[in-house]
C-alpha atoms as a PDB file:
ATOM      1  CA  MET A   1      19.225  59.529 -33.754  1.00  0.00           C
ATOM      2  CA  THR A   2      18.180  62.083 -36.379  1.00  0.00           C
ATOM      3  CA  ASN A   3      20.206  62.394 -39.569  1.00  0.00           C
ATOM      4  CA  PRO A   4      21.105  65.957 -40.583  1.00  0.00           C
ATOM      5  CA  LEU A   5      19.819  67.364 -43.869  1.00  0.00           C
ATOM      6  CA  LEU A   6      23.385  68.222 -44.919  1.00  0.00           C
ATOM      7  CA  ILE A   7      26.781  68.261 -43.198  1.00  0.00           C
ATOM      8  CA  GLU A   8      28.636  71.551 -43.395  1.00  0.00           C
ATOM      9  CA  ASN A   9      31.998  71.077 -41.657  1.00  0.00           C
ATOM     10  CA  SER A  10      34.330  68.566 -40.018  1.00  0.00           C
ATOM     11  CA  GLU A  11      33.171  69.402 -36.497  1.00  0.00           C
ATOM     12  CA  GLN A  12      29.569  68.590 -37.375  1.00  0.00           C
ATOM     13  CA  LEU A  13      30.702  65.471 -39.235  1.00  0.00           C
ATOM     14  CA  ASP A  14      32.785  64.152 -36.339  1.00  0.00           C
ATOM     15  CA  ASN A  15      29.995  64.817 -33.872  1.00  0.00           C
ATOM     16  CA  PHE A  16      27.518  62.877 -35.992  1.00  0.00           C
ATOM     17  CA  LEU A  17      29.936  60.026 -36.741  1.00  0.00           C
ATOM     18  CA  THR A  18      30.586  59.456 -33.034  1.00  0.00           C
ATOM     19  CA  GLN A  19      27.006  59.847 -31.796  1.00  0.00           C
ATOM     20  CA  PRO A  20      26.011  56.503 -30.247  1.00  0.00           C
ATOM     21  CA  ALA A  21      22.624  55.034 -31.067  1.00  0.00           C
ATOM     22  CA  PRO A  22      20.560  53.614 -28.183  1.00  0.00           C
ATOM     23  CA  ALA A  23      21.554  50.060 -29.174  1.00  0.00           C
ATOM     24  CA  VAL A  24      25.236  51.023 -28.932  1.00  0.00           C
ATOM     25  CA  ILE A  25      24.728  52.629 -25.515  1.00  0.00           C
ATOM     26  CA  ASP A  26      23.052  49.445 -24.335  1.00  0.00           C
ATOM     27  CA  ALA A  27      25.841  47.256 -25.780  1.00  0.00           C
ATOM     28  CA  VAL A  28      28.579  49.287 -24.080  1.00  0.00           C
ATOM     29  CA  LYS A  29      26.642  49.248 -20.826  1.00  0.00           C
ATOM     30  CA  LYS A  30      26.416  45.440 -20.928  1.00  0.00           C
ATOM     31  CA  MET A  31      30.076  45.012 -21.898  1.00  0.00           C
ATOM     32  CA  PRO A  32      31.955  43.533 -18.924  1.00  0.00           C
ATOM     33  CA  GLY A  33      35.006  45.631 -18.128  1.00  0.00           C
ATOM     34  CA  ASP A  34      37.004  48.184 -20.082  1.00  0.00           C
ATOM     35  CA  LEU A  35      37.811  48.437 -23.812  1.00  0.00           C
ATOM     36  CA  MET A  36      41.054  48.869 -25.734  1.00  0.00           C
ATOM     37  CA  ILE A  37      41.382  49.545 -29.460  1.00  0.00           C
ATOM     38  CA  LEU A  38      44.624  48.506 -31.143  1.00  0.00           C
ATOM     39  CA  GLY A  39      45.329  50.543 -34.269  1.00  0.00           C
ATOM     40  CA  ALA A  40      43.075  53.386 -33.151  1.00  0.00           C
ATOM     41  CA  GLY A  41      44.974  56.165 -34.924  1.00  0.00           C
ATOM     42  CA  GLY A  42      43.464  55.464 -38.339  1.00  0.00           C
ATOM     43  CA  LYS A  43      40.537  56.951 -40.193  1.00  0.00           C
ATOM     44  CA  MET A  44      37.947  54.811 -38.414  1.00  0.00           C
ATOM     45  CA  GLY A  45      39.572  54.017 -35.073  1.00  0.00           C
ATOM     46  CA  ILE A  46      39.352  57.558 -33.723  1.00  0.00           C
ATOM     47  CA  GLY A  47      35.623  57.801 -34.276  1.00  0.00           C
ATOM     48  CA  LEU A  48      35.026  54.310 -32.915  1.00  0.00           C
ATOM     49  CA  ALA A  49      36.885  55.043 -29.675  1.00  0.00           C
ATOM     50  CA  ILE A  50      35.040  58.331 -29.169  1.00  0.00           C
ATOM     51  CA  MET A  51      31.678  56.708 -29.918  1.00  0.00           C
ATOM     52  CA  ALA A  52      32.376  54.072 -27.249  1.00  0.00           C
ATOM     53  CA  LYS A  53      33.369  56.755 -24.734  1.00  0.00           C
ATOM     54  CA  ARG A  54      30.247  58.792 -25.481  1.00  0.00           C
ATOM     55  CA  ALA A  55      28.085  55.676 -25.137  1.00  0.00           C
ATOM     56  CA  ALA A  56      29.493  54.997 -21.671  1.00  0.00           C
ATOM     57  CA  GLY A  57      28.874  58.601 -20.693  1.00  0.00           C
ATOM     58  CA  GLU A  58      25.268  58.475 -21.817  1.00  0.00           C
ATOM     59  CA  ALA A  59      24.828  55.146 -20.011  1.00  0.00           C
ATOM     60  CA  GLY A  60      26.205  56.707 -16.833  1.00  0.00           C
ATOM     61  CA  ILE A  61      28.926  54.097 -16.338  1.00  0.00           C
ATOM     62  CA  GLY A  62      32.590  54.535 -15.502  1.00  0.00           C
ATOM     63  CA  LYS A  63      34.421  52.348 -17.987  1.00  0.00           C
ATOM     64  CA  GLU A  64      37.909  53.176 -19.235  1.00  0.00           C
ATOM     65  CA  PHE A  65      38.676  53.342 -22.953  1.00  0.00           C
ATOM     66  CA  TYR A  66      42.185  53.023 -24.365  1.00  0.00           C
ATOM     67  CA  ALA A  67      43.366  53.886 -27.870  1.00  0.00           C
ATOM     68  CA  VAL A  68      46.684  52.360 -28.932  1.00  0.00           C
ATOM     69  CA  SER A  69      48.656  53.461 -31.983  1.00  0.00           C
ATOM     70  CA  ARG A  70      52.054  54.773 -32.984  1.00  0.00           C
ATOM     71  CA  PHE A  71      50.292  58.171 -33.132  1.00  0.00           C
ATOM     72  CA  SER A  72      52.462  59.723 -35.808  1.00  0.00           C
ATOM     73  CA  ASN A  73      49.502  62.109 -36.174  1.00  0.00           C
ATOM     74  CA  ARG A  74      49.518  64.283 -33.048  1.00  0.00           C
ATOM     75  CA  GLU A  75      46.183  65.841 -33.967  1.00  0.00           C
ATOM     76  CA  ALA A  76      44.535  62.408 -33.831  1.00  0.00           C
ATOM     77  CA  ARG A  77      45.940  61.776 -30.374  1.00  0.00           C
ATOM     78  CA  GLY A  78      44.749  65.139 -29.144  1.00  0.00           C
ATOM     79  CA  GLN A  79      41.269  64.532 -30.512  1.00  0.00           C
ATOM     80  CA  LEU A  80      41.019  61.273 -28.581  1.00  0.00           C
ATOM     81  CA  GLU A  81      42.354  62.698 -25.337  1.00  0.00           C
ATOM     82  CA  ASN A  82      40.030  65.700 -25.539  1.00  0.00           C
ATOM     83  CA  ALA A  83      37.158  63.216 -25.715  1.00  0.00           C
ATOM     84  CA  GLY A  84      38.344  61.444 -22.558  1.00  0.00           C
ATOM     85  CA  VAL A  85      39.920  58.419 -24.267  1.00  0.00           C
ATOM     86  CA  ARG A  86      43.249  57.323 -22.803  1.00  0.00           C
ATOM     87  CA  THR A  87      45.948  57.098 -25.483  1.00  0.00           C
ATOM     88  CA  ILE A  88      49.027  54.878 -25.500  1.00  0.00           C
ATOM     89  CA  ALA A  89      51.777  55.336 -28.094  1.00  0.00           C
ATOM     90  CA  CYS A  90      53.141  51.912 -28.978  1.00  0.00           C
ATOM     91  CA  ASP A  91      55.002  50.121 -31.751  1.00  0.00           C
ATOM     92  CA  LEU A  92      53.050  46.892 -31.550  1.00  0.00           C
ATOM     93  CA  LEU A  93      55.622  44.936 -33.533  1.00  0.00           C
ATOM     94  CA  ASN A  94      58.011  45.604 -30.659  1.00  0.00           C
ATOM     95  CA  GLU A  95      57.363  42.692 -28.314  1.00  0.00           C
ATOM     96  CA  GLU A  96      58.535  44.574 -25.228  1.00  0.00           C
ATOM     97  CA  GLU A  97      56.191  47.485 -25.920  1.00  0.00           C
ATOM     98  CA  LEU A  98      53.333  45.071 -26.581  1.00  0.00           C
ATOM     99  CA  LYS A  99      53.946  43.422 -23.202  1.00  0.00           C
ATOM    100  CA  GLN A 100      53.659  46.794 -21.439  1.00  0.00           C
ATOM    101  CA  LEU A 101      50.055  47.325 -22.528  1.00  0.00           C
ATOM    102  CA  PRO A 102      47.516  46.896 -19.729  1.00  0.00           C
ATOM    103  CA  GLU A 103      45.418  43.779 -19.326  1.00  0.00           C
ATOM    104  CA  ILE A 104      41.981  44.410 -20.795  1.00  0.00           C
ATOM    105  CA  GLU A 105      38.645  42.609 -20.856  1.00  0.00           C
ATOM    106  CA  ASN A 106      37.575  43.748 -24.325  1.00  0.00           C
ATOM    107  CA  LEU A 107      39.770  44.360 -27.355  1.00  0.00           C
ATOM    108  CA  ILE A 108      39.071  45.681 -30.846  1.00  0.00           C
ATOM    109  CA  TYR A 109      41.873  44.823 -33.245  1.00  0.00           C
ATOM    110  CA  MET A 110      42.025  47.260 -36.193  1.00  0.00           C
ATOM    111  CA  ILE A 111      45.640  46.949 -37.309  1.00  0.00           C
ATOM    112  CA  GLY A 112      46.310  46.246 -40.966  1.00  0.00           C
ATOM    113  CA  MET A 113      48.445  47.273 -43.911  1.00  0.00           C
ATOM    114  CA  LYS A 114      46.808  47.673 -47.305  1.00  0.00           C
ATOM    115  CA  PHE A 115      47.980  50.720 -49.215  1.00  0.00           C
ATOM    116  CA  GLY A 116      51.641  50.451 -50.051  1.00  0.00           C
ATOM    117  CA  ALA A 117      51.528  46.674 -49.748  1.00  0.00           C
ATOM    118  CA  THR A 118      52.820  46.205 -53.300  1.00  0.00           C
ATOM    119  CA  GLY A 119      56.611  46.433 -53.072  1.00  0.00           C
ATOM    120  CA  GLN A 120      56.522  45.917 -49.294  1.00  0.00           C
ATOM    121  CA  GLU A 121      55.122  42.414 -49.231  1.00  0.00           C
ATOM    122  CA  ASP A 122      57.301  41.273 -46.333  1.00  0.00           C
ATOM    123  CA  LYS A 123      56.180  44.183 -44.155  1.00  0.00           C
ATOM    124  CA  THR A 124      52.571  43.556 -45.175  1.00  0.00           C
ATOM    125  CA  TRP A 125      52.743  39.938 -44.004  1.00  0.00           C
ATOM    126  CA  ALA A 126      54.507  40.919 -40.784  1.00  0.00           C
ATOM    127  CA  ILE A 127      51.780  43.427 -39.914  1.00  0.00           C
ATOM    128  CA  ASN A 128      48.801  41.456 -41.201  1.00  0.00           C
ATOM    129  CA  VAL A 129      49.778  37.938 -40.097  1.00  0.00           C
ATOM    130  CA  TYR A 130      52.659  37.859 -37.618  1.00  0.00           C
ATOM    131  CA  LEU A 131      51.408  40.717 -35.431  1.00  0.00           C
ATOM    132  CA  PRO A 132      47.882  39.289 -34.937  1.00  0.00           C
ATOM    133  CA  GLY A 133      49.493  36.138 -33.525  1.00  0.00           C
ATOM    134  CA  MET A 134      51.587  38.213 -31.116  1.00  0.00           C
ATOM    135  CA  ALA A 135      48.525  40.174 -30.025  1.00  0.00           C
ATOM    136  CA  ALA A 136      46.324  37.082 -29.651  1.00  0.00           C
ATOM    137  CA  GLN A 137      48.875  35.472 -27.341  1.00  0.00           C
ATOM    138  CA  ARG A 138      49.385  38.682 -25.367  1.00  0.00           C
ATOM    139  CA  PHE A 139      45.622  39.172 -24.930  1.00  0.00           C
ATOM    140  CA  ARG A 140      44.616  35.537 -24.629  1.00  0.00           C
ATOM    141  CA  HIS A 141      42.347  36.411 -21.703  1.00  0.00           C
ATOM    142  CA  SER A 142      40.471  39.142 -23.586  1.00  0.00           C
ATOM    143  CA  ARG A 143      37.303  39.133 -25.666  1.00  0.00           C
ATOM    144  CA  ILE A 144      38.291  40.209 -29.192  1.00  0.00           C
ATOM    145  CA  VAL A 145      36.607  41.738 -32.229  1.00  0.00           C
ATOM    146  CA  LEU A 146      39.061  41.552 -35.120  1.00  0.00           C
ATOM    147  CA  PHE A 147      38.662  43.760 -38.175  1.00  0.00           C
ATOM    148  CA  SER A 148      39.122  42.032 -41.508  1.00  0.00           C
ATOM    149  CA  THR A 149      38.014  42.773 -45.062  1.00  0.00           C
ATOM    150  CA  GLY A 150      35.707  41.546 -47.778  1.00  0.00           C
ATOM    151  CA  ASN A 151      38.831  41.242 -49.949  1.00  0.00           C
ATOM    152  CA  VAL A 152      39.234  37.688 -48.651  1.00  0.00           C
ATOM    153  CA  TYR A 153      36.341  36.679 -50.938  1.00  0.00           C
ATOM    154  CA  PRO A 154      36.577  35.915 -54.658  1.00  0.00           C
ATOM    155  CA  PHE A 155      35.073  38.146 -57.314  1.00  0.00           C
ATOM    156  CA  VAL A 156      31.532  37.003 -58.073  1.00  0.00           C
ATOM    157  CA  ALA A 157      29.071  37.510 -60.903  1.00  0.00           C
ATOM    158  CA  MET A 158      27.529  40.963 -60.876  1.00  0.00           C
ATOM    159  CA  GLU A 159      24.090  39.366 -60.734  1.00  0.00           C
ATOM    160  CA  SER A 160      25.043  37.804 -57.390  1.00  0.00           C
ATOM    161  CA  LYS A 161      23.963  39.195 -54.018  1.00  0.00           C
ATOM    162  CA  GLY A 162      27.574  38.783 -52.941  1.00  0.00           C
ATOM    163  CA  CYS A 163      29.508  36.325 -50.805  1.00  0.00           C
ATOM    164  CA  LYS A 164      28.048  35.073 -47.557  1.00  0.00           C
ATOM    165  CA  GLU A 165      30.126  34.368 -44.466  1.00  0.00           C
ATOM    166  CA  THR A 166      29.888  30.632 -45.171  1.00  0.00           C
ATOM    167  CA  ASP A 167      31.112  30.887 -48.776  1.00  0.00           C
ATOM    168  CA  PRO A 168      34.631  29.713 -49.709  1.00  0.00           C
ATOM    169  CA  VAL A 169      37.324  32.380 -49.593  1.00  0.00           C
ATOM    170  CA  ALA A 170      39.693  33.031 -52.497  1.00  0.00           C
ATOM    171  CA  PRO A 171      41.705  36.200 -51.943  1.00  0.00           C
ATOM    172  CA  VAL A 172      43.246  37.931 -54.963  1.00  0.00           C
ATOM    173  CA  GLY A 173      46.753  39.326 -54.477  1.00  0.00           C
ATOM    174  CA  GLU A 174      49.136  39.404 -51.550  1.00  0.00           C
ATOM    175  CA  TYR A 175      47.284  42.019 -49.505  1.00  0.00           C
ATOM    176  CA  ALA A 176      44.089  39.968 -49.552  1.00  0.00           C
ATOM    177  CA  GLN A 177      46.038  36.756 -48.945  1.00  0.00           C
ATOM    178  CA  SER A 178      47.685  38.293 -45.898  1.00  0.00           C
ATOM    179  CA  ALA A 179      44.260  39.485 -44.683  1.00  0.00           C
ATOM    180  CA  LEU A 180      43.083  35.885 -44.813  1.00  0.00           C
ATOM    181  CA  GLY A 181      46.281  34.942 -42.993  1.00  0.00           C
ATOM    182  CA  ARG A 182      45.308  37.372 -40.222  1.00  0.00           C
ATOM    183  CA  GLU A 183      41.984  35.601 -39.874  1.00  0.00           C
ATOM    184  CA  ARG A 184      43.528  32.134 -39.842  1.00  0.00           C
ATOM    185  CA  ILE A 185      46.085  33.061 -37.199  1.00  0.00           C
ATOM    186  CA  PHE A 186      43.359  34.555 -35.016  1.00  0.00           C
ATOM    187  CA  GLN A 187      41.199  31.469 -35.478  1.00  0.00           C
ATOM    188  CA  TYR A 188      44.120  29.269 -34.431  1.00  0.00           C
ATOM    189  CA  PHE A 189      44.827  31.165 -31.212  1.00  0.00           C
ATOM    190  CA  SER A 190      41.124  31.499 -30.468  1.00  0.00           C
ATOM    191  CA  ARG A 191      40.859  27.718 -30.468  1.00  0.00           C
ATOM    192  CA  LEU A 192      44.150  27.281 -28.604  1.00  0.00           C
ATOM    193  CA  HIS A 193      43.381  29.709 -25.777  1.00  0.00           C
ATOM    194  CA  ASN A 194      39.568  29.592 -25.926  1.00  0.00           C
ATOM    195  CA  ILE A 195      39.407  33.297 -26.864  1.00  0.00           C
ATOM    196  CA  PRO A 196      35.849  34.510 -27.550  1.00  0.00           C
ATOM    197  CA  GLY A 197      36.046  36.378 -30.832  1.00  0.00           C
ATOM    198  CA  LEU A 198      34.415  37.788 -33.929  1.00  0.00           C
ATOM    199  CA  ILE A 199      35.958  38.413 -37.356  1.00  0.00           C
ATOM    200  CA  TYR A 200      34.449  41.541 -38.892  1.00  0.00           C
ATOM    201  CA  ARG A 201      34.792  41.558 -42.687  1.00  0.00           C
ATOM    202  CA  LEU A 202      34.222  45.215 -43.549  1.00  0.00           C
ATOM    203  CA  ASN A 203      33.831  46.876 -46.956  1.00  0.00           C
ATOM    204  CA  TYR A 204      33.596  49.719 -47.849  1.00  0.00           C
ATOM    205  CA  ALA A 205      33.197  52.205 -44.981  1.00  0.00           C
ATOM    206  CA  ASN A 206      32.442  55.782 -46.058  1.00  0.00           C
ATOM    207  CA  ASP A 207      33.170  59.054 -44.281  1.00  0.00           C
ATOM    208  CA  LEU A 208      32.665  62.245 -46.290  1.00  0.00           C
ATOM    209  CA  ARG A 209      36.455  62.663 -46.196  1.00  0.00           C
ATOM    210  CA  TYR A 210      37.134  59.167 -47.473  1.00  0.00           C
ATOM    211  CA  GLY A 211      35.480  56.331 -49.340  1.00  0.00           C
ATOM    212  CA  VAL A 212      34.197  54.996 -52.636  1.00  0.00           C
ATOM    213  CA  LEU A 213      31.444  57.602 -52.875  1.00  0.00           C
ATOM    214  CA  LEU A 214      33.927  60.441 -52.428  1.00  0.00           C
ATOM    215  CA  ASN A 215      36.275  58.922 -55.027  1.00  0.00           C
ATOM    216  CA  VAL A 216      33.508  58.776 -57.631  1.00  0.00           C
ATOM    217  CA  ALA A 217      32.074  62.181 -56.729  1.00  0.00           C
ATOM    218  CA  GLN A 218      35.472  63.888 -57.058  1.00  0.00           C
ATOM    219  CA  LYS A 219      36.050  62.401 -60.486  1.00  0.00           C
ATOM    220  CA  VAL A 220      32.660  63.509 -61.756  1.00  0.00           C
ATOM    221  CA  TYR A 221      33.053  66.987 -60.257  1.00  0.00           C
ATOM    222  CA  GLN A 222      36.564  67.398 -61.668  1.00  0.00           C
ATOM    223  CA  ARG A 223      35.577  66.001 -65.075  1.00  0.00           C
ATOM    224  CA  ARG A 224      37.862  62.996 -64.804  1.00  0.00           C
ATOM    225  CA  PRO A 225      36.799  59.576 -66.134  1.00  0.00           C
ATOM    226  CA  VAL A 226      35.286  57.049 -63.753  1.00  0.00           C
ATOM    227  CA  ASP A 227      36.741  53.549 -64.203  1.00  0.00           C
ATOM    228  CA  LEU A 228      33.938  51.042 -64.753  1.00  0.00           C
ATOM    229  CA  ALA A 229      36.029  47.858 -64.502  1.00  0.00           C
ATOM    230  CA  THR A 230      34.477  47.061 -61.124  1.00  0.00           C
ATOM    231  CA  GLY A 231      30.863  47.757 -61.978  1.00  0.00           C
ATOM    232  CA  TYR A 232      29.219  47.288 -58.561  1.00  0.00           C
ATOM    233  CA  VAL A 233      30.207  48.034 -54.960  1.00  0.00           C
ATOM    234  CA  ASN A 234      28.895  47.715 -51.420  1.00  0.00           C
ATOM    235  CA  VAL A 235      29.195  50.700 -49.082  1.00  0.00           C
ATOM    236  CA  ILE A 236      28.301  51.501 -45.483  1.00  0.00           C
ATOM    237  CA  TRP A 237      28.312  54.729 -43.483  1.00  0.00           C
ATOM    238  CA  GLN A 238      31.337  54.734 -41.190  1.00  0.00           C
ATOM    239  CA  GLY A 239      29.202  55.562 -38.149  1.00  0.00           C
ATOM    240  CA  ASP A 240      27.054  52.509 -38.826  1.00  0.00           C
ATOM    241  CA  ALA A 241      30.161  50.358 -39.307  1.00  0.00           C
ATOM    242  CA  GLY A 242      31.521  51.532 -35.941  1.00  0.00           C
ATOM    243  CA  ALA A 243      28.221  50.885 -34.209  1.00  0.00           C
ATOM    244  CA  ILE A 244      28.201  47.306 -35.509  1.00  0.00           C
ATOM    245  CA  ALA A 245      31.759  46.763 -34.256  1.00  0.00           C
ATOM    246  CA  LEU A 246      30.746  47.759 -30.719  1.00  0.00           C
ATOM    247  CA  ARG A 247      27.568  45.711 -30.788  1.00  0.00           C
ATOM    248  CA  ALA A 248      29.519  42.741 -32.171  1.00  0.00           C
ATOM    249  CA  PHE A 249      30.707  41.898 -28.651  1.00  0.00           C
ATOM    250  CA  GLU A 250      27.234  40.425 -28.167  1.00  0.00           C
ATOM    251  CA  LYS A 251      28.028  37.722 -30.765  1.00  0.00           C
ATOM    252  CA  LEU A 252      31.477  36.466 -29.754  1.00  0.00           C
ATOM    253  CA  ALA A 253      32.204  32.771 -30.132  1.00  0.00           C
ATOM    254  CA  THR A 254      35.013  30.222 -30.103  1.00  0.00           C
ATOM    255  CA  PRO A 255      36.043  29.639 -32.848  1.00  0.00           C
ATOM    256  CA  PRO A 256      35.366  33.228 -33.894  1.00  0.00           C
ATOM    257  CA  PHE A 257      32.009  34.224 -35.335  1.00  0.00           C
ATOM    258  CA  ILE A 258      32.368  35.666 -38.868  1.00  0.00           C
ATOM    259  CA  LEU A 259      30.334  38.693 -39.938  1.00  0.00           C
ATOM    260  CA  ASN A 260      30.171  40.711 -43.155  1.00  0.00           C
ATOM    261  CA  GLY A 261      29.914  44.418 -42.389  1.00  0.00           C
ATOM    262  CA  THR A 262      28.548  46.483 -45.254  1.00  0.00           C
ATOM    263  CA  GLY A 263      25.350  47.883 -46.682  1.00  0.00           C
ATOM    264  CA  LYS A 264      22.697  45.563 -48.061  1.00  0.00           C
ATOM    265  CA  GLU A 265      22.483  47.453 -51.367  1.00  0.00           C
ATOM    266  CA  LYS A 266      24.531  46.558 -54.430  1.00  0.00           C
ATOM    267  CA  ILE A 267      25.375  49.908 -56.015  1.00  0.00           C
ATOM    268  CA  PRO A 268      26.183  50.257 -59.749  1.00  0.00           C
ATOM    269  CA  VAL A 269      29.208  52.491 -60.249  1.00  0.00           C
ATOM    270  CA  ARG A 270      27.847  53.867 -63.544  1.00  0.00           C
ATOM    271  CA  GLY A 271      24.545  54.778 -61.907  1.00  0.00           C
ATOM    272  CA  LEU A 272      26.390  56.315 -58.953  1.00  0.00           C
ATOM    273  CA  ALA A 273      28.407  58.559 -61.270  1.00  0.00           C
ATOM    274  CA  GLN A 274      25.243  59.542 -63.118  1.00  0.00           C
ATOM    275  CA  GLN A 275      23.567  60.551 -59.850  1.00  0.00           C
ATOM    276  CA  PHE A 276      26.522  62.768 -58.986  1.00  0.00           C
ATOM    277  CA  GLY A 277      26.417  64.159 -62.529  1.00  0.00           C
ATOM    278  CA  GLU A 278      22.792  65.194 -62.068  1.00  0.00           C
ATOM    279  CA  ILE A 279      23.614  66.954 -58.798  1.00  0.00           C
ATOM    280  CA  PHE A 280      26.667  68.695 -60.292  1.00  0.00           C
ATOM    281  CA  HIS A 281      24.846  69.474 -63.562  1.00  0.00           C
ATOM    282  CA  THR A 282      27.498  67.741 -65.615  1.00  0.00           C
ATOM    283  CA  LYS A 283      27.735  64.612 -67.708  1.00  0.00           C
ATOM    284  CA  PRO A 284      30.127  62.087 -66.148  1.00  0.00           C
ATOM    285  CA  LEU A 285      33.012  60.676 -68.143  1.00  0.00           C
ATOM    286  CA  PHE A 286      33.766  56.950 -68.119  1.00  0.00           C
ATOM    287  CA  SER A 287      36.667  54.692 -68.997  1.00  0.00           C
ATOM    288  CA  GLY A 288      36.427  51.010 -69.814  1.00  0.00           C
ATOM    289  CA  SER A 289      33.335  48.911 -69.296  1.00  0.00           C
ATOM    290  CA  GLU A 290      31.844  46.770 -66.577  1.00  0.00           C
ATOM    291  CA  SER A 291      33.495  43.397 -66.022  1.00  0.00           C
ATOM    292  CA  ASP A 292      31.363  40.323 -65.497  1.00  0.00           C
ATOM    293  CA  THR A 293      32.409  40.078 -61.835  1.00  0.00           C
ATOM    294  CA  ALA A 294      32.835  42.322 -58.800  1.00  0.00           C
ATOM    295  CA  LEU A 295      33.921  42.096 -55.176  1.00  0.00           C
ATOM    296  CA  LEU A 296      30.597  41.924 -53.358  1.00  0.00           C
ATOM    297  CA  SER A 297      29.546  40.899 -49.850  1.00  0.00           C
ATOM    298  CA  ASP A 298      26.113  39.773 -48.710  1.00  0.00           C
ATOM    299  CA  ALA A 299      25.155  41.703 -45.561  1.00  0.00           C
ATOM    300  CA  SER A 300      21.951  39.758 -44.866  1.00  0.00           C
ATOM    301  CA  LEU A 301      23.235  38.265 -41.621  1.00  0.00           C
ATOM    302  CA  CYS A 302      24.469  41.615 -40.325  1.00  0.00           C
ATOM    303  CA  CYS A 303      21.109  43.241 -41.097  1.00  0.00           C
ATOM    304  CA  LYS A 304      19.281  40.364 -39.413  1.00  0.00           C
ATOM    305  CA  LEU A 305      21.357  40.688 -36.243  1.00  0.00           C
ATOM    306  CA  PHE A 306      21.721  44.466 -35.987  1.00  0.00           C
ATOM    307  CA  GLY A 307      19.138  45.969 -38.311  1.00  0.00           C
ATOM    308  CA  ASP A 308      19.544  48.046 -41.458  1.00  0.00           C
ATOM    309  CA  ALA A 309      22.054  50.899 -41.630  1.00  0.00           C
ATOM    310  CA  THR A 310      20.766  54.203 -40.275  1.00  0.00           C
ATOM    311  CA  VAL A 311      22.258  56.164 -43.187  1.00  0.00           C
ATOM    312  CA  SER A 312      21.080  55.093 -46.636  1.00  0.00           C
ATOM    313  CA  PRO A 313      23.174  55.283 -49.820  1.00  0.00           C
ATOM    314  CA  THR A 314      20.841  58.036 -51.044  1.00  0.00           C
ATOM    315  CA  LYS A 315      21.715  60.204 -48.035  1.00  0.00           C
ATOM    316  CA  MET A 316      25.412  59.417 -48.331  1.00  0.00           C
ATOM    317  CA  ILE A 317      25.339  60.452 -51.995  1.00  0.00           C
ATOM    318  CA  ARG A 318      23.575  63.740 -51.185  1.00  0.00           C
ATOM    319  CA  TRP A 319      25.955  64.494 -48.306  1.00  0.00           C
ATOM    320  CA  THR A 320      29.035  63.599 -50.343  1.00  0.00           C
ATOM    321  CA  ALA A 321      28.000  65.749 -53.287  1.00  0.00           C
ATOM    322  CA  HIS A 322      27.452  68.729 -50.989  1.00  0.00           C
ATOM    323  CA  TRP A 323      30.788  68.091 -49.259  1.00  0.00           C
ATOM    324  CA  VAL A 324      32.619  68.114 -52.587  1.00  0.00           C
ATOM    325  CA  THR A 325      30.788  71.257 -53.693  1.00  0.00           C
ATOM    326  CA  ILE A 326      31.748  73.222 -50.557  1.00  0.00           C
ATOM    327  CA  GLY A 327      35.356  72.003 -50.686  1.00  0.00           C
ATOM    328  CA  GLY A 328      35.170  69.956 -47.487  1.00  0.00           C
ATOM    329  CA  ALA A 329      38.390  68.488 -46.111  1.00  0.00           C
ATOM    330  CA  THR A 330      39.450  65.052 -47.351  1.00  0.00           C
ATOM    331  CA  LEU A 331      42.053  62.522 -46.265  1.00  0.00           C
ATOM    332  CA  ASN A 332      43.394  62.302 -49.824  1.00  0.00           C
ATOM    333  CA  LYS A 333      43.437  58.507 -49.637  1.00  0.00           C
ATOM    334  CA  PRO A 334      41.773  56.861 -52.648  1.00  0.00           C
ATOM    335  CA  THR A 335      40.210  53.478 -51.906  1.00  0.00           C
ATOM    336  CA  HIS A 336      41.330  51.955 -55.240  1.00  0.00           C
ATOM    337  CA  PHE A 337      38.086  49.995 -55.215  1.00  0.00           C
ATOM    338  CA  GLU A 338      38.382  49.602 -58.996  1.00  0.00           C
ATOM    339  CA  MET A 339      41.593  47.540 -58.705  1.00  0.00           C
ATOM    340  CA  ARG A 340      41.055  43.948 -59.820  1.00  0.00           C
ATOM    341  CA  GLU A 341      44.538  42.461 -59.508  1.00  0.00           C
ATOM    342  CA  GLY A 342      44.861  42.836 -55.740  1.00  0.00           C
ATOM    343  CA  LYS A 343      47.701  45.351 -55.940  1.00  0.00           C
ATOM    344  CA  PHE A 344      47.468  48.300 -53.551  1.00  0.00           C
END
């Protein structure tokens, strides 16, 4: 799979994001039965569903792929259906609607509430903790990859490589606490019903329309100060993150296998802003200074199992800078990666 020199528009971006690598085609081919994605209407779910469908097509197999969401965004639903993915509009907190979903052999669970959690703590816990229990009981006969987040880990010294999957968790704030609750509930039902599963702790996925790199690039380009409080970050290309999620079905276990999904590099935010400044021919502005700790994940296990990411941070930086320069479309959803109190 050849990386483009630059990406010029959303059509080219979507095509590249959903292009399955040979390892993904092989994983989908080996996957027994069909696949359903719960929470597929979000920024990553659409591309993941289409990548899976394309992989099956290139493998020459006739699997069915289902994308489930409330689908408040009609454009997202149309994009999926045009790609041959079957869509189902469903309020998953409604038990009767949840029961009506088809039985499925393979399930990717992507539902979560993060932004807007502060002030809606009860809704956050309902979506992030109560709903996973409902879904795990409903799909007790499925094989499940459950999306989680690196926010379940504590902040660690900036000199650290980041938290490993075996390190103690210590979530900061109610969103992160509820994300850990999602994991614990899934672990409980996995043991109870012998559900083969994997918990996928992802941070931070980057699409040119969304992500830490875009947030920093926009601030440098617009001459706004870059907050240095969180001095280092991990990032991964969204296409690579989706590919790992599909290949993760090869590593299911009971109790669930835990996997950090991110890039292996630890990227300094100051240095990142300076790189964008060089490209934009401007001197970046900064606010604050680097704290002694950051939220970092060690991706060594992921790289060992699935190989290094196909898109390097250097390429992502170049692509993002060009995207900002040409005024490419964005989702207008800041990641708030710099937040240190767990309030989103």
